[in-house]
């Protein structure tokens, strides 16, 4: 294990602009200066990490067990940043180093399949407001020699009423927004946010169609059933991607291994889960067939639908995916959940359920000279994607063009739900 330390008070940098910024006091006294350490393994930080992740508003995707599953599967080099002030931990940013077109990028661990990222911050640091310009330089200095560019994707600048301290970093709006259904005092009140009458009518219609064929049941997988349901999701999703002419973002060994690892994680809370498989199973005419699968993560009152799939070979007219969401949301409401998160990606079924749309940003911090050029290019690319996705006709045309050309790249939202 290697640990590098950068202290803003004593940083020497050949870049004159950075030297001038480094002279700006980070806090009011020398004892309050921000110190940033960078670690190439997770284990030395486990106790501090698990303490910070207890924050209800910190993303599950930055929790220790979530990150460990991706690290064990992909084994990218790590650059985990720990900020401390006066000897007290202020934040942990769990980053890994990837390469793209010769550029070394520091990104949140497992960012390709993350729906929301926040970082981990102490209550004391959160009370102090945003990172200062000098704090940002301390972060950049810690990454120097390891990365050319830091890209922290899918960060909401404000989440559930709280501003993220990272919001002061240079940012560009991500092309993908996230969609949520807040839970109110009663299930009926929650449904009224999305037209309760229409929702109930649709649910009754779906139930009648399936009851006429022998019925159905809502399944929450037991530990020994989780892996089989996840593999069924991979199969169903592969068919959907192929039919749509899109690349399968789950079709690699490391991604599948990470998700299987998450299924085996056991959280400290009885209700929390890293990943749990839910499904709709048919009875009668199509006994045992599973036409809809969803994978949920839960941390406190926040539940995320990480991904979902459907099989249109049977009972497509009953919209089994929609029915599974109804049953899941109804159950979670009884359990006192605060918000159901459909994740990133603008799709019709998400808008039909969600009165809340969360804008997320990519925070871009250049580290080296080539990183500055890459940052400019990255901002332009992201803005172009956002412009395309905001124009539905243009986006549909681009999707058809990509399918015809067999382009083999995909964004995270193309891997989410049906």
Protein backbone atom coordinates (compact mmCIF):
# COMPACT_ATOMS: atom_id res chain seq x y z
CA UNK A 1 0.00 0.00 0.00
CA UNK A 2 1.32 3.39 -0.99
CA UNK A 3 0.11 6.62 0.54
CA UNK A 4 0.92 10.06 -0.78
CA UNK A 5 0.30 13.24 1.21
CA UNK A 6 -0.26 16.73 -0.14
CA UNK A 7 -0.62 19.65 2.30
CA UNK A 8 -1.90 22.85 0.72
CA UNK A 9 0.28 24.96 3.08
CA UNK A 10 3.52 23.47 1.76
CA UNK A 11 2.63 22.56 -1.83
CA UNK A 12 5.21 23.40 -4.48
CA UNK A 13 3.98 23.57 -8.04
CA UNK A 14 5.64 24.67 -11.24
CA UNK A 15 2.34 26.03 -12.50
CA UNK A 16 2.38 29.72 -11.51
CA UNK A 17 -1.41 30.02 -11.41
CA UNK A 18 -1.65 27.11 -9.03
CA UNK A 19 1.08 28.61 -6.86
CA UNK A 20 -0.88 31.84 -6.53
CA UNK A 21 -4.07 29.96 -5.66
CA UNK A 22 -2.17 27.80 -3.17
CA UNK A 23 -1.30 30.91 -1.20
CA UNK A 24 -5.00 31.50 -0.45
CA UNK A 25 -5.73 30.29 3.10
CA UNK A 26 -8.00 27.26 3.13
CA UNK A 27 -9.31 27.98 6.62
CA UNK A 28 -8.86 30.72 9.17
CA UNK A 29 -5.79 29.23 10.84
CA UNK A 30 -2.92 26.93 9.93
CA UNK A 31 -4.46 24.19 12.07
CA UNK A 32 -7.59 24.39 9.91
CA UNK A 33 -5.85 23.84 6.59
CA UNK A 34 -7.16 21.00 4.48
CA UNK A 35 -4.81 18.05 4.16
CA UNK A 36 -5.49 15.52 1.39
CA UNK A 37 -4.05 11.99 1.50
CA UNK A 38 -4.37 9.59 -1.42
CA UNK A 39 -4.57 5.81 -0.90
CA UNK A 40 -4.15 3.02 -3.42
CA UNK A 41 -6.20 0.51 -1.42
CA UNK A 42 -9.46 0.58 0.53
CA UNK A 43 -8.57 -1.36 3.66
CA UNK A 44 -6.67 1.37 5.60
CA UNK A 45 -9.74 3.61 5.41
CA UNK A 46 -12.44 1.09 6.27
CA UNK A 47 -13.31 2.31 9.77
CA UNK A 48 -13.43 6.00 8.79
CA UNK A 49 -15.23 5.14 5.55
CA UNK A 50 -17.98 3.15 7.27
CA UNK A 51 -18.45 5.96 9.80
CA UNK A 52 -18.98 8.58 7.07
CA UNK A 53 -21.37 6.41 5.05
CA UNK A 54 -23.84 6.42 7.95
CA UNK A 55 -24.99 9.81 6.67
CA UNK A 56 -28.52 9.18 5.33
CA UNK A 57 -28.00 11.48 2.34
CA UNK A 58 -24.69 9.99 1.23
CA UNK A 59 -25.10 7.84 -1.87
CA UNK A 60 -25.10 4.08 -1.47
CA UNK A 61 -22.74 4.05 -4.46
CA UNK A 62 -19.96 5.50 -2.31
CA UNK A 63 -20.45 2.99 0.51
CA UNK A 64 -17.55 0.68 1.37
CA UNK A 65 -19.22 -2.57 0.33
CA UNK A 66 -20.56 -1.18 -2.95
CA UNK A 67 -17.12 0.08 -3.93
CA UNK A 68 -15.41 -3.13 -2.81
CA UNK A 69 -17.56 -5.19 -5.19
CA UNK A 70 -16.44 -3.11 -8.20
CA UNK A 71 -12.81 -2.97 -7.08
CA UNK A 72 -12.62 -6.74 -6.67
CA UNK A 73 -14.11 -7.26 -10.13
CA UNK A 74 -12.37 -4.58 -12.24
CA UNK A 75 -9.14 -4.03 -10.30
CA UNK A 76 -8.48 -0.58 -11.70
CA UNK A 77 -5.76 1.40 -9.87
CA UNK A 78 -7.24 3.34 -6.97
CA UNK A 79 -6.73 6.93 -5.87
CA UNK A 80 -8.97 7.25 -2.82
CA UNK A 81 -8.84 10.75 -1.40
CA UNK A 82 -9.18 11.42 2.32
CA UNK A 83 -9.47 15.06 3.32
CA UNK A 84 -8.81 16.02 6.92
CA UNK A 85 -8.81 19.26 8.90
CA UNK A 86 -7.11 19.54 12.25
CA UNK A 87 -6.61 15.77 12.33
CA UNK A 88 -10.32 15.05 11.83
CA UNK A 89 -11.62 13.34 8.70
CA UNK A 90 -13.55 15.80 6.54
CA UNK A 91 -14.35 13.69 3.47
CA UNK A 92 -13.56 10.58 1.47
CA UNK A 93 -13.81 10.54 -2.33
CA UNK A 94 -13.51 6.92 -3.55
CA UNK A 95 -11.86 7.22 -6.97
CA UNK A 96 -10.37 4.78 -9.46
CA UNK A 97 -8.12 5.50 -12.43
CA UNK A 98 -9.27 4.53 -15.92
CA UNK A 99 -7.77 5.33 -19.31
CA UNK A 100 -9.60 6.66 -22.34
CA UNK A 101 -7.83 7.79 -25.51
CA UNK A 102 -4.56 8.01 -23.59
CA UNK A 103 -6.03 10.21 -20.85
CA UNK A 104 -5.88 9.00 -17.24
CA UNK A 105 -9.23 9.74 -15.61
CA UNK A 106 -10.00 9.73 -11.90
CA UNK A 107 -13.65 8.76 -11.51
CA UNK A 108 -15.91 7.48 -8.76
CA UNK A 109 -15.51 3.73 -8.34
CA UNK A 110 -18.05 1.88 -10.52
CA UNK A 111 -19.29 5.17 -11.97
CA UNK A 112 -20.45 3.59 -15.22
CA UNK A 113 -23.29 1.88 -13.37
CA UNK A 114 -24.03 4.53 -10.71
CA UNK A 115 -27.33 6.38 -10.63
CA UNK A 116 -26.27 9.07 -8.15
CA UNK A 117 -22.93 10.07 -6.61
CA UNK A 118 -22.39 12.38 -3.64
CA UNK A 119 -19.03 11.58 -2.05
CA UNK A 120 -18.74 11.09 1.71
CA UNK A 121 -18.51 14.07 4.11
CA UNK A 122 -18.41 14.55 7.84
CA UNK A 123 -21.23 16.52 9.48
CA UNK A 124 -18.67 19.12 10.57
CA UNK A 125 -17.40 19.64 7.03
CA UNK A 126 -20.94 19.79 5.63
CA UNK A 127 -21.76 22.56 8.08
CA UNK A 128 -18.83 24.59 6.73
CA UNK A 129 -20.18 24.88 3.18
CA UNK A 130 -18.56 24.21 -0.19
CA UNK A 131 -14.99 23.30 -1.01
CA UNK A 132 -12.97 26.49 -1.42
CA UNK A 133 -10.79 27.16 -4.50
CA UNK A 134 -7.75 26.24 -2.44
CA UNK A 135 -9.45 22.99 -1.38
CA UNK A 136 -9.92 22.14 -5.05
CA UNK A 137 -6.20 22.75 -5.64
CA UNK A 138 -5.35 20.45 -2.74
CA UNK A 139 -7.48 17.73 -4.35
CA UNK A 140 -5.83 18.28 -7.73
CA UNK A 141 -2.37 18.22 -6.13
CA UNK A 142 -3.09 14.88 -4.47
CA UNK A 143 -3.97 13.37 -7.85
CA UNK A 144 -0.98 14.82 -9.70
CA UNK A 145 1.05 12.03 -11.30
CA UNK A 146 -1.85 9.60 -11.01
CA UNK A 147 -4.46 11.22 -13.25
CA UNK A 148 -4.71 13.88 -15.94
CA UNK A 149 -8.33 14.67 -15.28
CA UNK A 150 -10.86 14.10 -12.50
CA UNK A 151 -14.44 13.55 -13.71
CA UNK A 152 -17.01 13.05 -10.97
CA UNK A 153 -20.16 12.06 -12.82
CA UNK A 154 -23.83 12.17 -11.87
CA UNK A 155 -23.50 14.47 -8.88
CA UNK A 156 -26.65 16.41 -7.90
CA UNK A 157 -25.53 19.84 -6.74
CA UNK A 158 -28.44 19.68 -4.31
CA UNK A 159 -29.97 16.44 -3.06
CA UNK A 160 -33.08 16.22 -0.89
CA UNK A 161 -32.66 19.75 0.39
CA UNK A 162 -28.91 19.67 1.01
CA UNK A 163 -26.25 21.33 -1.14
CA UNK A 164 -23.26 19.15 -2.02
CA UNK A 165 -19.88 20.61 -0.94
CA UNK A 166 -18.52 19.57 -4.36
CA UNK A 167 -20.92 22.03 -6.03
CA UNK A 168 -18.23 24.70 -6.16
CA UNK A 169 -16.08 22.64 -8.54
CA UNK A 170 -16.22 23.38 -12.29
CA UNK A 171 -19.26 21.52 -13.60
CA UNK A 172 -21.32 20.78 -16.68
CA UNK A 173 -24.89 19.51 -16.60
CA UNK A 174 -25.02 15.79 -17.32
CA UNK A 175 -27.11 14.81 -20.33
CA UNK A 176 -29.07 12.36 -18.17
CA UNK A 177 -31.45 13.41 -15.43
CA UNK A 178 -32.78 11.15 -12.68
CA UNK A 179 -36.43 10.62 -11.76
CA UNK A 180 -37.98 10.02 -8.35
CA UNK A 181 -41.32 9.42 -6.64
CA UNK A 182 -41.37 10.99 -3.15
CA UNK A 183 -43.57 9.11 -0.68
CA UNK A 184 -46.14 11.20 1.19
CA UNK A 185 -48.19 10.38 4.29
CA UNK A 186 -50.38 7.80 2.57
CA UNK A 187 -50.11 5.63 -0.52
CA UNK A 188 -53.12 7.42 -1.98
CA UNK A 189 -51.49 10.81 -1.44
CA UNK A 190 -48.33 9.58 -3.12
CA UNK A 191 -50.30 8.32 -6.12
CA UNK A 192 -52.09 11.65 -6.47
CA UNK A 193 -48.76 13.14 -7.51
CA UNK A 194 -48.97 11.01 -10.69
CA UNK A 195 -52.75 10.78 -11.32
CA UNK A 196 -54.06 8.25 -8.77
CA UNK A 197 -57.25 7.48 -10.69
CA UNK A 198 -55.41 6.52 -13.88
CA UNK A 199 -52.82 4.51 -11.93
CA UNK A 200 -55.45 2.47 -10.05
CA UNK A 201 -57.44 1.85 -13.22
CA UNK A 202 -54.33 0.55 -14.96
CA UNK A 203 -53.39 -1.68 -12.01
CA UNK A 204 -56.87 -3.25 -11.90
CA UNK A 205 -56.80 -3.84 -15.65
CA UNK A 206 -53.40 -5.54 -15.44
CA UNK A 207 -54.50 -7.72 -12.53
CA UNK A 208 -57.69 -8.82 -14.33
CA UNK A 209 -55.72 -9.82 -17.43
CA UNK A 210 -53.32 -11.97 -15.42
CA UNK A 211 -55.98 -13.39 -13.11
CA UNK A 212 -57.82 -14.63 -16.21
CA UNK A 213 -54.73 -16.69 -17.04
CA UNK A 214 -54.26 -18.16 -13.58
CA UNK A 215 -52.87 -15.28 -11.56
CA UNK A 216 -49.46 -14.04 -10.50
CA UNK A 217 -47.28 -13.44 -7.44
CA UNK A 218 -44.81 -10.77 -6.39
CA UNK A 219 -41.45 -12.34 -5.54
CA UNK A 220 -38.63 -10.98 -3.39
CA UNK A 221 -35.80 -13.40 -3.98
CA UNK A 222 -34.44 -15.49 -1.13
CA UNK A 223 -30.62 -15.56 -0.84
CA UNK A 224 -30.34 -18.79 -2.83
CA UNK A 225 -32.59 -17.38 -5.61
CA UNK A 226 -30.88 -14.03 -6.11
CA UNK A 227 -28.18 -15.19 -8.52
CA UNK A 228 -30.63 -17.01 -10.80
CA UNK A 229 -32.88 -13.94 -11.06
CA UNK A 230 -29.89 -11.72 -11.85
CA UNK A 231 -28.83 -14.11 -14.62
CA UNK A 232 -32.39 -14.04 -15.95
CA UNK A 233 -32.17 -10.24 -16.04
CA UNK A 234 -28.95 -10.46 -18.08
CA UNK A 235 -30.73 -12.78 -20.53
CA UNK A 236 -33.86 -10.65 -20.85
CA UNK A 237 -31.87 -7.45 -21.17
CA UNK A 238 -29.60 -8.89 -23.86
CA UNK A 239 -32.66 -9.64 -25.99
CA UNK A 240 -34.02 -6.12 -25.47
CA UNK A 241 -30.71 -4.52 -26.42
CA UNK A 242 -30.39 -6.70 -29.50
CA UNK A 243 -33.93 -5.91 -30.64
CA UNK A 244 -33.24 -2.19 -30.16
CA UNK A 245 -29.93 -2.39 -32.02
CA UNK A 246 -28.03 -1.19 -28.93
CA UNK A 247 -24.86 -2.55 -27.28
CA UNK A 248 -25.34 -4.58 -24.11
CA UNK A 249 -23.69 -2.64 -21.27
CA UNK A 250 -24.00 -5.68 -18.98
CA UNK A 251 -22.27 -8.08 -21.36
CA UNK A 252 -18.85 -8.28 -19.76
CA UNK A 253 -17.50 -10.64 -17.12
CA UNK A 254 -16.33 -7.97 -14.67
CA UNK A 255 -19.67 -6.12 -14.56
CA UNK A 256 -21.61 -9.33 -14.02
CA UNK A 257 -19.19 -10.45 -11.31
CA UNK A 258 -19.53 -7.12 -9.47
CA UNK A 259 -23.33 -7.32 -9.48
CA UNK A 260 -23.24 -10.91 -8.22
CA UNK A 261 -20.91 -9.78 -5.42
CA UNK A 262 -23.36 -7.05 -4.46
CA UNK A 263 -26.12 -9.63 -4.11
CA UNK A 264 -24.03 -11.40 -1.48
CA UNK A 265 -23.35 -8.26 0.60
CA UNK A 266 -25.01 -8.12 3.98
CA UNK A 267 -25.69 -4.66 5.41
CA UNK A 268 -25.85 -3.74 9.07
CA UNK A 269 -29.49 -2.68 8.88
CA UNK A 270 -32.20 -5.28 8.43
CA UNK A 271 -34.01 -3.21 5.80
CA UNK A 272 -30.98 -1.94 3.86
CA UNK A 273 -29.54 -3.88 0.93
CA UNK A 274 -26.76 -3.38 -1.59
CA UNK A 275 -28.76 -5.21 -4.25
CA UNK A 276 -31.93 -7.27 -4.03
CA UNK A 277 -33.83 -8.97 -6.84
CA UNK A 278 -37.59 -8.58 -7.21
CA UNK A 279 -39.79 -10.25 -9.81
CA UNK A 280 -43.30 -10.94 -11.08
CA UNK A 281 -43.99 -14.67 -11.44
CA UNK A 282 -46.98 -16.11 -13.31
CA UNK A 283 -49.30 -18.89 -12.20
CA UNK A 284 -51.72 -21.04 -14.12
CA UNK A 285 -51.36 -21.01 -17.91
CA UNK A 286 -47.72 -19.89 -17.79
CA UNK A 287 -46.82 -21.38 -14.42
CA UNK A 288 -43.43 -20.27 -13.13
CA UNK A 289 -42.65 -17.89 -16.00
CA UNK A 290 -41.11 -14.56 -14.95
CA UNK A 291 -42.03 -11.69 -17.28
CA UNK A 292 -40.49 -8.85 -15.23
CA UNK A 293 -37.40 -8.44 -13.04
CA UNK A 294 -36.08 -5.46 -11.06
CA UNK A 295 -32.98 -4.98 -8.90
CA UNK A 296 -33.33 -2.60 -5.96
CA UNK A 297 -30.85 -1.03 -3.57
CA UNK A 298 -31.92 0.50 -0.29
CA UNK A 299 -30.21 2.81 2.15
CA UNK A 300 -32.44 4.14 4.87
CA UNK A 301 -35.41 5.83 3.25
CA UNK A 302 -33.89 5.94 -0.24
CA UNK A 303 -34.62 3.06 -2.63
CA UNK A 304 -33.06 2.95 -6.10
CA UNK A 305 -34.22 0.78 -8.96
CA UNK A 306 -30.76 0.02 -10.31
CA UNK A 307 -32.04 -1.81 -13.40
CA UNK A 308 -35.04 -3.74 -14.67
CA UNK A 309 -36.07 -5.94 -17.58
CA UNK A 310 -39.15 -7.50 -19.15
CA UNK A 311 -39.89 -10.51 -21.32
CA UNK A 312 -42.43 -9.68 -23.99
CA UNK A 313 -42.90 -13.31 -25.08
CA UNK A 314 -45.81 -13.72 -22.65
CA UNK A 315 -48.53 -11.38 -21.30
CA UNK A 316 -47.02 -8.25 -22.86
CA UNK A 317 -50.50 -6.75 -23.00
CA UNK A 318 -50.57 -6.72 -19.18
CA UNK A 319 -47.45 -4.49 -18.98
CA UNK A 320 -45.76 -6.75 -16.39
CA UNK A 321 -42.95 -4.27 -15.73
CA UNK A 322 -45.43 -1.56 -14.76
CA UNK A 323 -47.31 -4.01 -12.55
CA UNK A 324 -44.09 -5.01 -10.79
CA UNK A 325 -43.35 -1.35 -10.06
CA UNK A 326 -46.84 -0.87 -8.58
CA UNK A 327 -46.45 -3.88 -6.28
CA UNK A 328 -42.95 -2.83 -5.25
CA UNK A 329 -43.86 0.79 -4.55
CA UNK A 330 -47.00 -0.20 -2.63
CA UNK A 331 -44.97 -2.53 -0.41
CA UNK A 332 -42.16 -0.03 0.20
CA UNK A 333 -44.69 2.62 1.14
CA UNK A 334 -45.92 0.38 3.96
CA UNK A 335 -42.32 0.04 5.15
CA UNK A 336 -41.84 3.78 5.59
CA UNK A 337 -39.54 4.50 2.66
CA UNK A 338 -39.11 8.22 1.87
CA UNK A 339 -38.37 8.17 -1.86
CA UNK A 340 -38.38 5.68 -4.74
CA UNK A 341 -35.69 6.48 -7.28
CA UNK A 342 -35.99 5.22 -10.86
CA UNK A 343 -32.42 6.32 -11.56
CA UNK A 344 -30.94 8.13 -14.53
CA UNK A 345 -32.31 8.09 -18.05
CA UNK A 346 -35.33 9.87 -19.49
CA UNK A 347 -37.91 7.24 -20.35
CA UNK A 348 -41.68 7.48 -20.66
CA UNK A 349 -42.47 5.00 -17.90
CA UNK A 350 -40.27 6.95 -15.46
CA UNK A 351 -42.00 10.23 -16.21
CA UNK A 352 -45.36 8.52 -15.76
CA UNK A 353 -44.40 7.61 -12.18
CA UNK A 354 -42.25 10.54 -11.14
CA UNK A 355 -43.19 14.12 -10.24
CA UNK A 356 -39.57 14.80 -9.26
CA UNK A 357 -36.74 15.24 -11.77
CA UNK A 358 -33.20 15.64 -10.45
CA UNK A 359 -30.61 17.43 -12.56
CA UNK A 360 -27.15 15.94 -12.15
CA UNK A 361 -23.78 17.39 -13.06
CA UNK A 362 -20.36 16.14 -14.04
CA UNK A 363 -17.65 17.88 -12.02
CA UNK A 364 -14.51 18.29 -14.10
CA UNK A 365 -11.15 19.10 -12.53
CA UNK A 366 -8.05 19.15 -14.79
CA UNK A 367 -4.87 17.86 -13.18
CA UNK A 368 -2.22 18.09 -15.93
CA UNK A 369 -1.68 20.11 -19.08
CA UNK A 370 -3.21 17.44 -21.30
CA UNK A 371 -5.98 17.18 -18.73
CA UNK A 372 -6.91 20.82 -19.34
CA UNK A 373 -7.37 20.08 -23.03
CA UNK A 374 -9.34 16.93 -22.21
CA UNK A 375 -11.55 18.90 -19.79
CA UNK A 376 -12.47 21.37 -22.52
CA UNK A 377 -13.29 18.53 -24.89
CA UNK A 378 -15.29 16.68 -22.22
CA UNK A 379 -17.44 19.72 -21.49
CA UNK A 380 -18.17 20.18 -25.19
CA UNK A 381 -19.08 16.52 -25.65
CA UNK A 382 -21.40 16.50 -22.63
CA UNK A 383 -23.14 19.71 -23.73
CA UNK A 384 -23.60 18.27 -27.23
CA UNK A 385 -25.12 15.09 -25.80
CA UNK A 386 -27.44 17.15 -23.62
CA UNK A 387 -28.57 19.18 -26.62
CA UNK A 388 -29.26 16.03 -28.65
CA UNK A 389 -31.17 14.33 -25.84
CA UNK A 390 -33.31 17.41 -25.24
CA UNK A 391 -34.52 17.15 -28.85
CA UNK A 392 -36.57 13.95 -29.01
CA UNK A 393 -36.68 13.74 -32.81
CA UNK A 394 -32.95 14.30 -33.12
CA UNK A 395 -32.21 11.79 -30.36
CA UNK A 396 -34.39 9.14 -32.04
CA UNK A 397 -32.53 9.75 -35.33
CA UNK A 398 -29.14 9.38 -33.60
CA UNK A 399 -30.27 6.15 -31.95
CA UNK A 400 -31.31 4.71 -35.32
CA UNK A 401 -28.02 5.81 -36.84
CA UNK A 402 -26.03 4.19 -34.03
CA UNK A 403 -27.96 0.96 -34.43
CA UNK A 404 -27.28 0.82 -38.18
CA UNK A 405 -23.58 1.48 -37.69
CA UNK A 406 -23.28 -1.00 -34.84
CA UNK A 407 -21.63 1.50 -32.52
CA UNK A 408 -20.43 -0.34 -29.42
CA UNK A 409 -20.48 2.37 -26.77
CA UNK A 410 -23.34 3.13 -24.41
CA UNK A 411 -24.22 5.47 -21.59
CA UNK A 412 -25.50 4.27 -18.26
CA UNK A 413 -29.12 5.20 -18.94
CA UNK A 414 -29.18 2.86 -21.92
CA UNK A 415 -28.56 0.06 -19.44
CA UNK A 416 -31.45 0.91 -17.18
CA UNK A 417 -35.05 -0.31 -17.02
CA UNK A 418 -37.64 -1.06 -19.66
